[in-house]
Every structure is written in structure tokens, then in C-alpha cells.
Amino acid sequence: MITHSENSIISPASNEPQDFSKNIIYKVTAEDGSTVNYSVIIVFGPPKSKEKVINSGILPIDNQEIKIDIDTIKQTLSAVVPYGTNISSLSPKINISDKASINPASSSQQDFTAPVAYTITAEDGSSAVYTFVIKVSKPSSSDLQKMSNKWENTRDLNFKMINLDVNGNIWCANNKYGGFAELVKIQNGKEIIIDFSKFQAQQINNILEFDHSIWVGTTNGIINISGKDTTKYNLPNNDIKSLRIFDNQLFCSTTTSIYKLENFKWTLLATNQNEVFIDFVVTTNNIYLITAKSLLKYDGTFKKVNHSLKYTDFETIQIDSQGVIWISHWSGIVKYENDNFTYFDYSTMTGMPDSGLDSFIIDKYDNIWMAWGKHGVIVFHNGAILHTFNKQNSNIISDNTSNVVLKDNIIAIACFDYRGLGFPTYMGVSKLKIQ
């Protein structure tokens, strides 16, 4: 479209298609008959850039700048920040290709508690999406020491804590001497006692949250609590020793068998009448089980993998993120890796008590948190003690610790005292949030 003087005429006419592969002459004739010729030449400019690459980036944190690692093939960004960094409010500076744009904008504040997608748009309109993941360094000894007075303590509960649920409720067992066990839920500081007498279970061994309901392993079967509904599952051997979740599936062990929950029915996976199982873990290809004096591997058949074991009082088995098996006993912890056993106890390392290990958990950093009878909580990693939390150096309720559990980055410790009664009276729970 060409606009020209009023009362003038243009030839070729405006809006007529033309072949601009060559020069086109436009003749404009005024009302008085005079003319002017215009030569129109189309010149192509440089093509629009298709570059859409992140060249570099940094994360300003306190007084340091942390380099952002860039993988242009996988289109990922990553960075490791110090423990204690508030990753819900970080503002990375990102350098991109010339003439490209980025969304979210460089230096804009973002929440990295989940991966953040950055879209790079080139000048030509094409785009690429980079996924930015931030990891937090595992806590050092110094970091753990700074957490010493950050324990949150409950009042006296007088029940043994077994586990926590996603809502922060504490689930306890009241295993009575000479009577039937009671299940106790501590919600907002209030005790809710669930009468289990009709199930005739003398002891509650496990409590586990799975699929929005509570599963209770007892000496007389499994009880499921879903809202107001309570269902009891009976197995051929009703003495439930352990409950485990793997790959979003629920498993249980009795003293002789392993089961998996399928369509609300317990399916037998394996049984061994020659052993008495205490605990187990499930991996992609195998199930590892412990008896009091041996480690078993089940891959379709049972195999003993112990080699002249030093101790014969195994109690708990766990697996870390690297697939390493850890087993606790009264005097320490055992590492099983590549068919080898390594012992960590008072005879092999300084700072480990000689007895009293009750239970342990492994956190997401592969730190091992151990509840030691009269010695508080010991945090252990890669063959070394990182820190010990006790009554002298922290605000934990007591040095007398028994059960330790982990739920959604909350470490919870059941504490007790004897109060002159000759047997443990449970005092309450100390909870600590890790990042």
C-alpha cells in the first residue's frame, strides 16, 4: 500500500501485486500533469537470530557468588548451595544469547523448593526450556552444632512414640503388661486413645502411614485405620515384625514370611520356616532381611550373606541412597557393601558408646541418626561421627533416647526416664527439622 498526494495518480496502482525481484518504477502524476518517478528496491536484512543458549549464571548468596552449572544438551541448570540457605527465595543472574529473552527474568526472585523452568526465546521466536534444580549441601558438624537448641519438645506423653504422620500427629503405642495394647494419637497436644482391645493385640510393633491411612503392625495381625473405618487383616502368622514402603507399595514381614499389599489383600512373596525375621528392606531386585544373628538376601530363593559376623543381636536394617545396607545391633552399626561387612562400634572408633543403640534412621543426605539409650542422639556419616546431641549441649528432652523416626524432613526422638520405677517411663518427643 502506497499513500500519495491528494488528486494525484500512481502507476502501478497501490495494492497491486508486484515482482520485487527487480526494481519497480512507480510514476506519480499530479493534477496539473507533472510527474515524478520513484524507484522501489527491496533489500533483505540479516536473518533473525535463532540463538537461545544460556551462557553463564551465578547465584548471589550472602557474600558469595555460586556458579551455576549448565548442560546445554540436556538443557538443565544446577547449583549446590550451603546448608541453611533459604532456597524458597533466590535470585539467580543468568547470561543468555544476544537478542534472546528469558522468562522468568534474570535476577528475579524464585522459589527453588521445586525445579524451576526457564524459557529462552530467540529473536526468530523459537524457544528452549531449561530446568533449574538447586541442591543443598549436607550439613557439616558445624551446621549440626548450630541446630543444638532448635529441638521442639512435647510435654510428657507416657507412651512410646512409634511414628509421625504427614499432618505432624504423633502415633504412640501403649503396650500394657498383662493386657491388650492401645493405640494413641497425639494431635495438637491432646491424647486420643484408640481402643484396640477387640483385636486382642498384646503389643504394637509398627505404625506406618501409607496411602492416606494408618497401618498398625501388632502381635495379632495388621490393623488399618482409614478415617472412621478400621479393618483388621489376619495372616497365617499374625506376629507382624515390620512394615515397609518401597516404590509406592506396602510390604510387611512376620517372623517367617514377607507379604505385599495388592488390591487390599496381602499376597505372600516368600516364606522361610527355618528363620525368625526381625526386620527387612526392599530394593528393586532383592529383599534383605535380618534375623538376630544373620543377614539374608531373597531374590527368588533365600541366601545367607553373613561371613563370620562379629555380633549376633541385630535389631534394625536400613538402606541409604547409594544402595548400601546398614544394620544396627546393641553395640553399634554394621555396613554391608559389595559383599563386605564393616563394623562401627566402640572398639573401632572414638566416641561410639559401648552399648545401648536402640534404633536409627538415614536422612536424605545419607547421615545416620542413632538413638543411644543413655547417650542422646549420635549423627554419623561415612565412617565418622559428625555430632552428638545430648542434654548437656542441646535442648533435647533427655539423654535417654529410644525410637528415632523421620517424616518429611522431621527427625523425631522418643525420650524416656526411669523415675525410680525400674523400667522406662516415656517422657515425650523431641523434634528437629532438617533442610
Protein backbone atom coordinates (compact mmCIF):
# COMPACT_ATOMS: atom_id res chain seq x y z
CA MET A 1 0.00 0.00 0.00
CA ILE A 2 1.37 3.36 -1.06
CA THR A 3 -0.07 6.69 0.11
CA HIS A 4 0.33 9.61 -2.31
CA SER A 5 -0.76 13.28 -2.74
CA GLU A 6 -4.43 14.14 -2.97
CA ASN A 7 -5.74 14.36 -6.58
CA SER A 8 -2.61 12.61 -7.88
CA ILE A 9 -2.46 9.28 -9.64
CA ILE A 10 0.07 6.47 -9.10
CA SER A 11 1.04 3.80 -11.54
CA PRO A 12 1.25 0.87 -10.94
CA ALA A 13 -1.69 1.30 -8.60
CA SER A 14 -1.35 0.95 -4.88
CA ASN A 15 -2.14 -2.54 -3.57
CA GLU A 16 -1.37 -4.22 -6.91
CA PRO A 17 0.96 -7.26 -6.51
CA GLN A 18 4.43 -6.72 -7.97
CA ASP A 19 7.55 -8.77 -8.56
CA PHE A 20 10.17 -7.12 -6.40
CA SER A 21 12.97 -9.44 -7.51
CA LYS A 22 13.82 -6.43 -9.72
CA ASN A 23 13.43 -2.68 -9.30
CA ILE A 24 9.88 -1.37 -9.70
CA ILE A 25 9.27 2.19 -11.01
CA TYR A 26 6.26 3.97 -9.53
CA LYS A 27 5.08 7.02 -11.55
CA VAL A 28 3.11 9.68 -9.67
CA THR A 29 1.16 12.16 -11.86
CA ALA A 30 -0.09 15.39 -10.29
CA GLU A 31 -3.40 17.06 -11.16
CA ASP A 32 -1.51 19.56 -13.39
CA GLY A 33 0.05 16.72 -15.39
CA SER A 34 3.56 16.90 -13.92
CA THR A 35 5.14 13.57 -12.97
CA VAL A 36 7.72 12.10 -10.63
CA ASN A 37 9.20 8.61 -10.88
CA TYR A 38 10.09 6.59 -7.76
CA SER A 39 12.30 3.52 -7.94
CA VAL A 40 11.46 0.93 -5.25
CA ILE A 41 14.22 -1.51 -4.29
CA ILE A 42 13.62 -4.30 -1.75
CA VAL A 43 16.72 -5.12 0.30
CA PHE A 44 16.70 -8.14 2.64
CA GLY A 45 18.20 -7.52 6.08
CA PRO A 46 20.20 -10.12 8.04
CA PRO A 47 18.16 -13.18 9.20
CA LYS A 48 16.79 -13.09 12.72
CA SER A 49 18.94 -14.90 15.25
CA LYS A 50 17.90 -18.37 16.32
CA GLU A 51 20.36 -18.45 19.24
CA LYS A 52 18.72 -19.36 22.56
CA VAL A 53 21.50 -20.53 24.85
CA ILE A 54 22.30 -19.85 28.49
CA ASN A 55 25.96 -18.85 28.51
CA SER A 56 26.64 -18.46 32.22
CA GLY A 57 25.00 -17.82 35.55
CA ILE A 58 25.65 -17.15 39.21
CA LEU A 59 23.67 -17.34 42.43
CA PRO A 60 24.38 -14.45 44.81
CA ILE A 61 24.09 -15.85 48.35
CA ASP A 62 25.20 -13.74 51.30
CA ASN A 63 28.68 -12.53 50.36
CA GLN A 64 29.49 -15.18 47.77
CA GLU A 65 28.62 -15.95 44.19
CA ILE A 66 27.90 -19.60 43.44
CA LYS A 67 28.46 -20.77 39.88
CA ILE A 68 25.52 -22.26 38.04
CA ASP A 69 26.36 -25.44 36.12
CA ILE A 70 24.87 -25.52 32.61
CA ASP A 71 24.18 -28.56 30.44
CA THR A 72 23.14 -27.27 27.01
CA ILE A 73 22.46 -30.78 25.69
CA LYS A 74 20.11 -31.85 28.48
CA GLN A 75 19.01 -28.22 28.89
CA THR A 76 19.46 -28.25 32.65
CA LEU A 77 20.82 -25.81 35.21
CA SER A 78 22.07 -26.86 38.62
CA ALA A 79 23.79 -25.42 41.65
CA VAL A 80 24.73 -26.61 45.12
CA VAL A 81 24.16 -24.12 47.93
CA PRO A 82 25.36 -24.16 51.55
CA TYR A 83 23.25 -25.94 54.15
CA GLY A 84 20.84 -23.48 55.75
CA THR A 85 20.25 -21.47 52.55
CA ASN A 86 16.64 -20.39 52.09
CA ILE A 87 16.06 -21.88 48.64
CA SER A 88 12.49 -20.58 48.54
CA SER A 89 13.81 -17.09 47.81
CA LEU A 90 16.79 -16.95 45.43
CA SER A 91 17.55 -14.57 42.56
CA PRO A 92 19.93 -16.14 40.01
CA LYS A 93 21.72 -13.94 37.49
CA ILE A 94 21.64 -15.61 34.08
CA ASN A 95 23.52 -14.54 30.94
CA ILE A 96 21.86 -15.59 27.65
CA SER A 97 22.41 -15.27 23.88
CA ASP A 98 22.33 -11.81 22.29
CA LYS A 99 18.87 -10.75 21.10
CA ALA A 100 17.23 -13.55 23.13
CA SER A 101 14.91 -13.10 26.10
CA ILE A 102 14.42 -15.17 29.25
CA ASN A 103 11.38 -15.91 31.41
CA PRO A 104 11.43 -15.72 34.40
CA ALA A 105 13.71 -12.73 34.12
CA SER A 106 17.33 -12.83 35.22
CA SER A 107 17.75 -11.68 38.85
CA SER A 108 14.06 -12.21 39.59
CA GLN A 109 13.25 -13.95 42.87
CA GLN A 110 12.20 -17.59 42.56
CA ASP A 111 11.18 -20.49 44.82
CA PHE A 112 13.56 -23.42 44.25
CA THR A 113 11.95 -25.87 46.67
CA ALA A 114 10.85 -27.45 43.38
CA PRO A 115 12.59 -27.30 39.96
CA VAL A 116 12.05 -24.02 38.09
CA ALA A 117 11.61 -23.91 34.30
CA TYR A 118 13.37 -21.07 32.44
CA THR A 119 12.23 -20.39 28.86
CA ILE A 120 14.78 -18.81 26.48
CA THR A 121 13.20 -17.24 23.38
CA ALA A 122 15.40 -16.44 20.36
CA GLU A 123 14.93 -13.40 18.09
CA ASP A 124 13.25 -15.63 15.50
CA GLY A 125 10.62 -16.73 18.04
CA SER A 126 11.93 -20.24 18.63
CA SER A 127 12.41 -21.24 22.26
CA ALA A 128 14.14 -23.69 24.60
CA VAL A 129 13.25 -24.63 28.16
CA TYR A 130 15.96 -25.17 30.80
CA THR A 131 15.11 -26.88 34.09
CA PHE A 132 16.89 -25.38 37.09
CA VAL A 133 17.43 -27.61 40.14
CA ILE A 134 19.12 -26.44 43.33
CA LYS A 135 20.53 -28.90 45.85
CA VAL A 136 21.50 -28.14 49.42
CA SER A 137 24.86 -29.35 50.75
CA LYS A 138 24.72 -31.94 53.51
CA PRO A 139 25.06 -30.40 56.98
CA SER A 140 28.56 -30.25 58.40
CA SER A 141 29.49 -30.81 62.03
CA SER A 142 29.33 -27.05 62.49
CA ASP A 143 25.87 -26.89 60.92
CA LEU A 144 24.60 -29.61 63.25
CA GLN A 145 26.09 -27.85 66.25
CA LYS A 146 24.14 -24.70 65.33
CA MET A 147 20.95 -26.78 65.45
CA SER A 148 21.55 -27.95 69.02
CA ASN A 149 18.95 -25.68 70.62
CA LYS A 150 16.34 -25.94 67.86
CA TRP A 151 14.64 -29.09 69.12
CA GLU A 152 10.90 -28.74 69.65
CA ASN A 153 9.78 -30.71 72.67
CA THR A 154 6.40 -32.10 73.62
CA ARG A 155 5.09 -32.43 77.15
CA ASP A 156 5.31 -35.76 78.96
CA LEU A 157 3.41 -38.35 76.94
CA ASN A 158 3.89 -41.53 78.98
CA PHE A 159 3.59 -43.53 75.76
CA LYS A 160 6.24 -44.71 73.36
CA MET A 161 6.33 -42.81 70.07
CA ILE A 162 6.32 -45.17 67.09
CA ASN A 163 5.90 -42.78 64.14
CA LEU A 164 4.63 -39.47 62.77
CA ASP A 165 2.09 -38.80 60.04
CA VAL A 166 2.06 -36.19 57.30
CA ASN A 167 -0.02 -33.83 59.48
CA GLY A 168 2.53 -33.88 62.28
CA ASN A 169 0.46 -36.11 64.56
CA ILE A 170 2.45 -38.41 66.84
CA TRP A 171 1.38 -42.06 66.89
CA CYS A 172 2.27 -43.96 70.04
CA ALA A 173 1.88 -47.43 71.47
CA ASN A 174 0.69 -48.21 74.96
CA ASN A 175 1.88 -51.79 75.27
CA LYS A 176 0.44 -52.81 78.60
CA TYR A 177 1.93 -55.50 80.76
CA GLY A 178 -0.65 -58.27 81.06
CA GLY A 179 -3.27 -56.56 78.90
CA PHE A 180 -4.10 -55.60 75.35
CA ALA A 181 -2.23 -52.77 73.61
CA GLU A 182 -3.71 -49.35 72.95
CA LEU A 183 -3.01 -47.08 70.01
CA VAL A 184 -2.56 -43.44 70.99
CA LYS A 185 -2.69 -40.46 68.64
CA ILE A 186 -1.24 -37.17 69.87
CA GLN A 187 -3.00 -34.42 67.91
CA ASN A 188 -2.33 -30.76 68.77
CA GLY A 189 -1.04 -31.86 72.16
CA LYS A 190 -4.15 -33.89 73.01
CA GLU A 191 -4.15 -37.63 73.56
CA ILE A 192 -6.67 -39.65 71.57
CA ILE A 193 -6.72 -43.25 72.77
CA ILE A 194 -7.92 -45.80 70.23
CA ASP A 195 -9.23 -48.91 71.92
CA PHE A 196 -7.70 -51.99 70.34
CA SER A 197 -9.00 -54.48 72.89
CA LYS A 198 -11.31 -56.14 70.35
CA PHE A 199 -8.24 -57.02 68.26
CA GLN A 200 -6.58 -58.71 71.25
CA ALA A 201 -3.10 -57.50 70.35
CA GLN A 202 -0.71 -57.63 73.27
CA GLN A 203 1.86 -55.45 71.55
CA ILE A 204 2.07 -52.84 68.78
CA ASN A 205 5.32 -53.27 66.85
CA ASN A 206 4.94 -50.82 63.95
CA ILE A 207 2.87 -47.85 62.85
CA LEU A 208 3.18 -46.55 59.29
CA GLU A 209 1.27 -44.04 57.18
CA PHE A 210 0.54 -45.26 53.65
CA ASP A 211 -1.99 -44.19 51.03
CA HIS A 212 -3.66 -41.63 53.34
CA SER A 213 -4.30 -44.15 56.11
CA ILE A 214 -2.55 -45.61 59.14
CA TRP A 215 -1.29 -49.19 59.20
CA VAL A 216 -0.52 -50.82 62.54
CA GLY A 217 1.54 -54.00 62.84
CA THR A 218 0.79 -55.95 66.01
CA THR A 219 1.42 -59.35 67.55
CA ASN A 220 -2.06 -60.28 66.33
CA GLY A 221 -2.28 -59.07 62.75
CA ILE A 222 -2.41 -55.77 60.87
CA ILE A 223 -4.97 -53.06 61.58
CA ASN A 224 -5.73 -50.35 59.02
CA ILE A 225 -7.29 -47.05 60.10
CA SER A 226 -8.81 -45.01 57.27
CA GLY A 227 -10.91 -42.13 58.53
CA LYS A 228 -13.54 -43.67 60.80
CA ASP A 229 -13.13 -47.14 59.30
CA THR A 230 -10.99 -49.79 60.96
CA THR A 231 -10.07 -53.04 59.19
CA LYS A 232 -8.13 -55.99 60.57
CA TYR A 233 -6.02 -58.24 58.34
CA ASN A 234 -5.12 -61.71 59.56
CA LEU A 235 -2.14 -63.59 58.16
CA PRO A 236 -1.17 -67.24 58.69
CA ASN A 237 1.49 -65.96 61.07
CA ASN A 238 -0.01 -62.90 62.74
CA ASP A 239 3.11 -61.68 64.55
CA ILE A 240 3.92 -58.63 62.40
CA LYS A 241 7.56 -57.61 62.81
CA SER A 242 7.93 -54.76 60.31
CA LEU A 243 6.11 -52.60 57.75
CA ARG A 244 7.93 -51.00 54.81
CA ILE A 245 7.13 -48.86 51.78
CA PHE A 246 9.04 -49.29 48.52
CA ASP A 247 8.13 -47.92 45.09
CA ASN A 248 4.76 -46.77 46.44
CA GLN A 249 3.88 -50.28 47.58
CA LEU A 250 3.35 -51.56 51.11
CA PHE A 251 5.17 -54.65 52.40
CA CYS A 252 5.16 -56.43 55.73
CA SER A 253 7.14 -59.16 57.42
CA THR A 254 6.08 -61.68 60.01
CA THR A 255 8.56 -63.83 61.87
CA THR A 256 8.72 -66.23 58.90
CA SER A 257 7.23 -64.55 55.80
CA ILE A 258 7.18 -61.48 53.54
CA TYR A 259 3.93 -60.09 52.10
CA LYS A 260 2.93 -57.30 49.71
CA LEU A 261 -0.38 -55.43 49.73
CA GLU A 262 -2.19 -55.80 46.40
CA ASN A 263 -5.76 -54.59 45.90
CA PHE A 264 -6.28 -54.53 49.68
CA LYS A 265 -5.14 -58.14 50.02
CA TRP A 266 -1.85 -59.36 51.42
CA THR A 267 -0.01 -61.51 48.86
CA LEU A 268 2.67 -63.92 50.09
CA LEU A 269 6.05 -63.25 48.45
CA ALA A 270 8.29 -65.62 50.36
CA THR A 271 8.42 -67.76 53.47
CA ASN A 272 11.19 -69.47 55.42
CA GLN A 273 10.21 -71.61 58.37
CA ASN A 274 13.85 -72.10 59.38
CA GLU A 275 14.45 -68.44 60.28
CA VAL A 276 12.92 -65.83 62.59
CA PHE A 277 12.79 -62.48 60.78
CA ILE A 278 13.26 -59.27 62.74
CA ASP A 279 13.31 -56.56 60.06
CA PHE A 280 13.69 -56.15 56.29
CA VAL A 281 14.21 -53.68 53.41
CA VAL A 282 13.11 -53.92 49.80
CA THR A 283 15.21 -52.98 46.75
CA THR A 284 14.49 -53.16 43.03
CA ASN A 285 15.84 -56.70 42.66
CA ASN A 286 16.14 -58.11 46.18
CA ILE A 287 14.70 -58.21 49.67
CA TYR A 288 17.21 -58.09 52.53
CA LEU A 289 16.17 -59.49 55.90
CA ILE A 290 17.82 -59.79 59.27
CA THR A 291 17.46 -62.36 61.99
CA ALA A 292 19.11 -61.87 65.36
CA LYS A 293 22.36 -63.27 64.01
CA SER A 294 22.32 -63.22 60.22
CA LEU A 295 21.64 -61.24 57.06
CA LEU A 296 19.55 -62.90 54.35
CA LYS A 297 19.03 -61.96 50.73
CA TYR A 298 15.91 -63.04 48.88
CA ASP A 299 15.96 -62.93 45.06
CA GLY A 300 13.62 -65.85 44.47
CA THR A 301 15.49 -68.01 46.94
CA PHE A 302 16.89 -67.25 50.38
CA LYS A 303 20.65 -66.90 50.72
CA LYS A 304 22.67 -66.14 53.84
CA VAL A 305 25.25 -63.45 53.18
CA ASN A 306 26.94 -63.28 56.57
CA HIS A 307 30.62 -64.11 56.84
CA SER A 308 31.72 -64.83 60.43
CA LEU A 309 29.67 -61.96 61.82
CA LYS A 310 31.06 -60.23 64.88
CA TYR A 311 27.68 -59.65 66.53
CA THR A 312 24.54 -61.76 66.84
CA ASP A 313 21.98 -59.27 68.14
CA PHE A 314 20.79 -57.47 65.01
CA GLU A 315 17.78 -55.19 65.51
CA THR A 316 17.15 -52.83 62.57
CA ILE A 317 18.07 -52.74 58.88
CA GLN A 318 18.02 -49.68 56.57
CA ILE A 319 19.30 -48.81 53.09
CA ASP A 320 20.83 -45.49 52.00
CA SER A 321 20.50 -43.63 48.69
CA GLN A 322 23.58 -45.43 47.29
CA GLY A 323 22.12 -48.87 47.95
CA VAL A 324 24.37 -49.55 50.94
CA ILE A 325 22.83 -51.75 53.65
CA TRP A 326 23.15 -50.67 57.29
CA ILE A 327 22.29 -52.89 60.26
CA SER A 328 22.13 -51.92 63.92
CA HIS A 329 22.87 -54.00 67.00
CA TRP A 330 23.14 -53.22 70.70
CA SER A 331 26.76 -52.04 70.46
CA GLY A 332 26.98 -50.27 67.10
CA ILE A 333 26.22 -50.33 63.42
CA VAL A 334 27.32 -52.56 60.53
CA LYS A 335 27.80 -51.56 56.90
CA TYR A 336 27.21 -54.16 54.18
CA GLU A 337 28.51 -53.21 50.73
CA ASN A 338 29.91 -55.28 47.86
CA ASP A 339 29.59 -58.45 49.94
CA ASN A 340 31.76 -56.98 52.70
CA PHE A 341 30.87 -56.12 56.30
CA THR A 342 32.39 -53.10 58.10
CA TYR A 343 31.82 -52.62 61.83
CA PHE A 344 31.49 -49.28 63.58
CA ASP A 345 31.46 -49.59 67.37
CA TYR A 346 33.39 -48.56 70.47
CA SER A 347 36.26 -50.90 69.55
CA THR A 348 36.78 -49.36 66.09
CA MET A 349 36.11 -45.65 66.61
CA THR A 350 36.27 -42.96 69.26
CA GLY A 351 33.02 -41.50 70.54
CA MET A 352 30.82 -44.55 69.98
CA PRO A 353 29.21 -45.84 73.21
CA ASP A 354 29.81 -49.45 74.20
CA SER A 355 26.12 -50.36 74.29
CA GLY A 356 22.57 -49.06 74.12
CA LEU A 357 21.83 -48.46 70.42
CA ASP A 358 18.05 -48.66 70.15
CA SER A 359 17.23 -47.57 66.59
CA PHE A 360 18.43 -45.44 63.68
CA ILE A 361 17.24 -43.71 60.52
CA ILE A 362 19.02 -42.45 57.39
CA ASP A 363 18.20 -38.95 56.16
CA LYS A 364 18.30 -37.65 52.58
CA TYR A 365 21.97 -36.69 52.97
CA ASP A 366 22.79 -40.28 54.00
CA ASN A 367 23.51 -39.12 57.52
CA ILE A 368 22.67 -41.81 60.06
CA TRP A 369 20.83 -40.63 63.21
CA MET A 370 21.18 -43.10 66.08
CA ALA A 371 19.20 -43.13 69.34
CA TRP A 372 21.55 -44.41 72.03
CA GLY A 373 19.97 -45.39 75.37
CA LYS A 374 21.72 -43.07 77.83
CA HIS A 375 23.88 -41.21 75.31
CA GLY A 376 21.48 -38.98 73.36
CA VAL A 377 21.48 -38.86 69.57
CA ILE A 378 24.61 -39.52 67.51
CA VAL A 379 24.80 -38.34 63.88
CA PHE A 380 27.14 -40.47 61.80
CA HIS A 381 28.32 -40.21 58.17
CA ASN A 382 30.86 -42.05 56.06
CA GLY A 383 32.66 -43.66 58.97
CA ALA A 384 32.78 -40.61 61.23
CA ILE A 385 30.67 -39.07 63.99
CA LEU A 386 29.51 -35.63 62.89
CA HIS A 387 27.82 -34.56 66.11
CA THR A 388 26.23 -35.82 69.31
CA PHE A 389 23.08 -34.18 70.67
CA ASN A 390 22.72 -34.63 74.41
CA LYS A 391 21.22 -32.88 77.41
CA GLN A 392 24.46 -31.02 78.10
CA ASN A 393 24.92 -29.38 74.67
CA SER A 394 21.33 -29.10 73.40
CA ASN A 395 17.73 -28.62 74.46
CA ILE A 396 16.76 -32.23 73.74
CA ILE A 397 14.47 -33.62 76.46
CA SER A 398 16.81 -36.31 77.73
CA ASP A 399 19.96 -38.32 77.06
CA ASN A 400 17.77 -41.40 77.40
CA THR A 401 16.57 -41.90 73.82
CA SER A 402 14.86 -44.89 72.25
CA ASN A 403 12.97 -44.74 68.99
CA VAL A 404 14.02 -42.33 66.21
CA VAL A 405 11.86 -41.71 63.14
CA LEU A 406 12.00 -39.49 60.06
CA LYS A 407 8.95 -37.95 58.37
CA ASP A 408 9.10 -35.17 55.77
CA ASN A 409 12.48 -33.87 56.99
CA ILE A 410 11.41 -34.00 60.65
CA ILE A 411 13.64 -36.04 62.95
CA ALA A 412 11.68 -37.19 66.00
CA ILE A 413 13.21 -38.84 69.06
CA ALA A 414 11.32 -40.68 71.81
CA CYS A 415 12.86 -39.83 75.17
CA PHE A 416 12.35 -41.65 78.46
CA ASP A 417 13.46 -41.84 82.06
CA TYR A 418 13.20 -44.46 84.78
CA ARG A 419 11.78 -42.29 87.58
CA GLY A 420 12.76 -44.90 90.12
CA LEU A 421 10.30 -47.43 88.75
CA GLY A 422 12.89 -49.83 87.40
CA PHE A 423 11.51 -49.71 83.85
CA PRO A 424 11.31 -46.94 81.24
CA THR A 425 8.63 -44.28 81.52
CA TYR A 426 8.37 -42.29 78.30
CA MET A 427 8.81 -38.58 78.83
CA GLY A 428 7.96 -37.12 75.46
CA VAL A 429 9.26 -36.42 71.98
CA SER A 430 11.98 -34.07 70.75
CA LYS A 431 11.60 -33.00 67.10
CA LEU A 432 14.14 -31.31 64.84
CA LYS A 433 13.56 -30.08 61.29
CA ILE A 434 16.35 -30.58 58.80
CA GLN A 435 16.51 -28.77 55.47
